[in-house]
C-alpha atoms as a PDB file:
ATOM      1  CA  UNK A   1       0.003  -0.001  -0.009  1.00  0.00           C
ATOM      2  CA  UNK A   2       1.353   3.434  -0.942  1.00  0.00           C
ATOM      3  CA  UNK A   3       1.873   6.140   1.562  1.00  0.00           C
ATOM      4  CA  UNK A   4      -0.364   9.189   1.181  1.00  0.00           C
ATOM      5  CA  UNK A   5       2.341  11.579   2.412  1.00  0.00           C
ATOM      6  CA  UNK A   6       5.873  11.967   1.077  1.00  0.00           C
ATOM      7  CA  UNK A   7       8.794  12.786   3.246  1.00  0.00           C
ATOM      8  CA  UNK A   8      10.485  16.166   2.992  1.00  0.00           C
ATOM      9  CA  UNK A   9      13.505  14.581   1.282  1.00  0.00           C
ATOM     10  CA  UNK A  10      11.274  12.941  -1.327  1.00  0.00           C
ATOM     11  CA  UNK A  11       9.474  16.190  -1.992  1.00  0.00           C
ATOM     12  CA  UNK A  12      12.734  18.117  -2.325  1.00  0.00           C
ATOM     13  CA  UNK A  13      14.113  15.478  -4.705  1.00  0.00           C
ATOM     14  CA  UNK A  14      10.939  15.653  -6.800  1.00  0.00           C
ATOM     15  CA  UNK A  15      11.085  19.462  -6.781  1.00  0.00           C
ATOM     16  CA  UNK A  16      14.702  19.355  -7.910  1.00  0.00           C
ATOM     17  CA  UNK A  17      13.786  16.990 -10.777  1.00  0.00           C
ATOM     18  CA  UNK A  18      10.870  19.205 -11.823  1.00  0.00           C
ATOM     19  CA  UNK A  19      13.012  22.356 -11.719  1.00  0.00           C
ATOM     20  CA  UNK A  20      15.658  20.662 -13.887  1.00  0.00           C
ATOM     21  CA  UNK A  21      12.994  19.489 -16.327  1.00  0.00           C
ATOM     22  CA  UNK A  22      11.524  23.020 -16.450  1.00  0.00           C
ATOM     23  CA  UNK A  23      14.947  24.582 -17.073  1.00  0.00           C
ATOM     24  CA  UNK A  24      15.632  22.097 -19.886  1.00  0.00           C
ATOM     25  CA  UNK A  25      12.211  22.734 -21.357  1.00  0.00           C
ATOM     26  CA  UNK A  26      12.739  26.514 -21.281  1.00  0.00           C
ATOM     27  CA  UNK A  27      16.110  26.080 -22.941  1.00  0.00           C
ATOM     28  CA  UNK A  28      14.500  24.021 -25.706  1.00  0.00           C
ATOM     29  CA  UNK A  29      11.805  26.663 -26.155  1.00  0.00           C
ATOM     30  CA  UNK A  30      14.495  29.336 -26.638  1.00  0.00           C
ATOM     31  CA  UNK A  31      16.304  27.152 -29.193  1.00  0.00           C
ATOM     32  CA  UNK A  32      13.009  26.522 -30.958  1.00  0.00           C
ATOM     33  CA  UNK A  33      12.298  30.267 -31.114  1.00  0.00           C
ATOM     34  CA  UNK A  34      15.738  30.922 -32.651  1.00  0.00           C
ATOM     35  CA  UNK A  35      15.249  28.162 -35.223  1.00  0.00           C
ATOM     36  CA  UNK A  36      11.779  29.477 -36.061  1.00  0.00           C
ATOM     37  CA  UNK A  37      13.110  33.010 -36.489  1.00  0.00           C
ATOM     38  CA  UNK A  38      15.937  31.767 -38.708  1.00  0.00           C
ATOM     39  CA  UNK A  39      13.586  29.717 -40.865  1.00  0.00           C
ATOM     40  CA  UNK A  40      11.206  32.664 -41.167  1.00  0.00           C
ATOM     41  CA  UNK A  41      14.048  34.929 -42.275  1.00  0.00           C
ATOM     42  CA  UNK A  42      15.160  32.385 -44.875  1.00  0.00           C
ATOM     43  CA  UNK A  43      11.607  32.051 -46.220  1.00  0.00           C
ATOM     44  CA  UNK A  44      11.118  35.834 -46.281  1.00  0.00           C
ATOM     45  CA  UNK A  45      14.384  36.243 -48.217  1.00  0.00           C
ATOM     46  CA  UNK A  46      13.358  33.444 -50.605  1.00  0.00           C
ATOM     47  CA  UNK A  47       9.956  35.075 -51.162  1.00  0.00           C
ATOM     48  CA  UNK A  48      11.623  38.414 -51.871  1.00  0.00           C
ATOM     49  CA  UNK A  49      14.042  36.843 -54.328  1.00  0.00           C
ATOM     50  CA  UNK A  50      11.370  34.866 -56.159  1.00  0.00           C
ATOM     51  CA  UNK A  51       9.244  37.998 -56.447  1.00  0.00           C
ATOM     52  CA  UNK A  52      12.174  39.905 -57.929  1.00  0.00           C
ATOM     53  CA  UNK A  53      12.962  37.025 -60.249  1.00  0.00           C
ATOM     54  CA  UNK A  54       9.332  36.849 -61.366  1.00  0.00           C
ATOM     55  CA  UNK A  55       9.457  40.539 -62.304  1.00  0.00           C
ATOM     56  CA  UNK A  56      12.656  39.997 -64.273  1.00  0.00           C
ATOM     57  CA  UNK A  57      11.239  36.956 -66.071  1.00  0.00           C
ATOM     58  CA  UNK A  58       8.040  38.803 -66.986  1.00  0.00           C
ATOM     59  CA  UNK A  59      10.058  41.711 -68.367  1.00  0.00           C
ATOM     60  CA  UNK A  60      12.267  39.362 -70.348  1.00  0.00           C
ATOM     61  CA  UNK A  61       9.228  37.501 -71.667  1.00  0.00           C
ATOM     62  CA  UNK A  62       7.673  40.765 -72.875  1.00  0.00           C
ATOM     63  CA  UNK A  63      10.902  41.828 -74.606  1.00  0.00           C
ATOM     64  CA  UNK A  64      11.332  38.389 -76.177  1.00  0.00           C
ATOM     65  CA  UNK A  65       7.743  38.457 -77.478  1.00  0.00           C
ATOM     66  CA  UNK A  66       8.355  41.883 -79.001  1.00  0.00           C
ATOM     67  CA  UNK A  67      11.575  40.728 -80.688  1.00  0.00           C
ATOM     68  CA  UNK A  68       9.845  37.626 -82.059  1.00  0.00           C
ATOM     69  CA  UNK A  69       7.039  39.757 -83.543  1.00  0.00           C
ATOM     70  CA  UNK A  70       9.621  42.043 -85.144  1.00  0.00           C
ATOM     71  CA  UNK A  71      11.498  39.031 -86.551  1.00  0.00           C
ATOM     72  CA  UNK A  72       8.307  37.567 -87.975  1.00  0.00           C
ATOM     73  CA  UNK A  73       7.372  40.913 -89.501  1.00  0.00           C
ATOM     74  CA  UNK A  74      10.854  41.281 -91.010  1.00  0.00           C
ATOM     75  CA  UNK A  75      10.723  37.724 -92.348  1.00  0.00           C
ATOM     76  CA  UNK A  76       7.324  38.380 -93.921  1.00  0.00           C
ATOM     77  CA  UNK A  77       8.562  41.573 -95.539  1.00  0.00           C
ATOM     78  CA  UNK A  78      11.734  39.848 -96.780  1.00  0.00           C
ATOM     79  CA  UNK A  79       9.719  36.891 -98.126  1.00  0.00           C
ATOM     80  CA  UNK A  80       7.298  39.233 -99.866  1.00  0.00           C
ATOM     81  CA  UNK A  81      10.178  41.241-101.332  1.00  0.00           C
ATOM     82  CA  UNK A  82      11.920  38.061-102.528  1.00  0.00           C
ATOM     83  CA  UNK A  83       8.656  36.818-104.053  1.00  0.00           C
ATOM     84  CA  UNK A  84       8.031  40.068-105.908  1.00  0.00           C
ATOM     85  CA  UNK A  85      11.616  40.119-107.179  1.00  0.00           C
ATOM     86  CA  UNK A  86      11.424  36.505-108.356  1.00  0.00           C
ATOM     87  CA  UNK A  87       8.021  36.853-110.022  1.00  0.00           C
ATOM     88  CA  UNK A  88       8.560  40.347-111.371  1.00  0.00           C
ATOM     89  CA  UNK A  89       5.450  41.726-109.682  1.00  0.00           C
END
């Protein structure tokens, strides 16, 4: 049968264990907060870079589309000119 009351030594030992556990837990919470902050900073930087890259890609896409239209227009004009020269029109 278990005793309903603990001795003072048992209570002090249990208190010491609980205080150590609490100190370890608080230390882990601090480490977790640092890791979370670091991961958040990395993700924020990544988001910023991808946003900048997206802007650059969109700009490049627009310029490429414009150059392709100009090339197609020049090719059409050259083809038409060659055709008229060859047929004498």
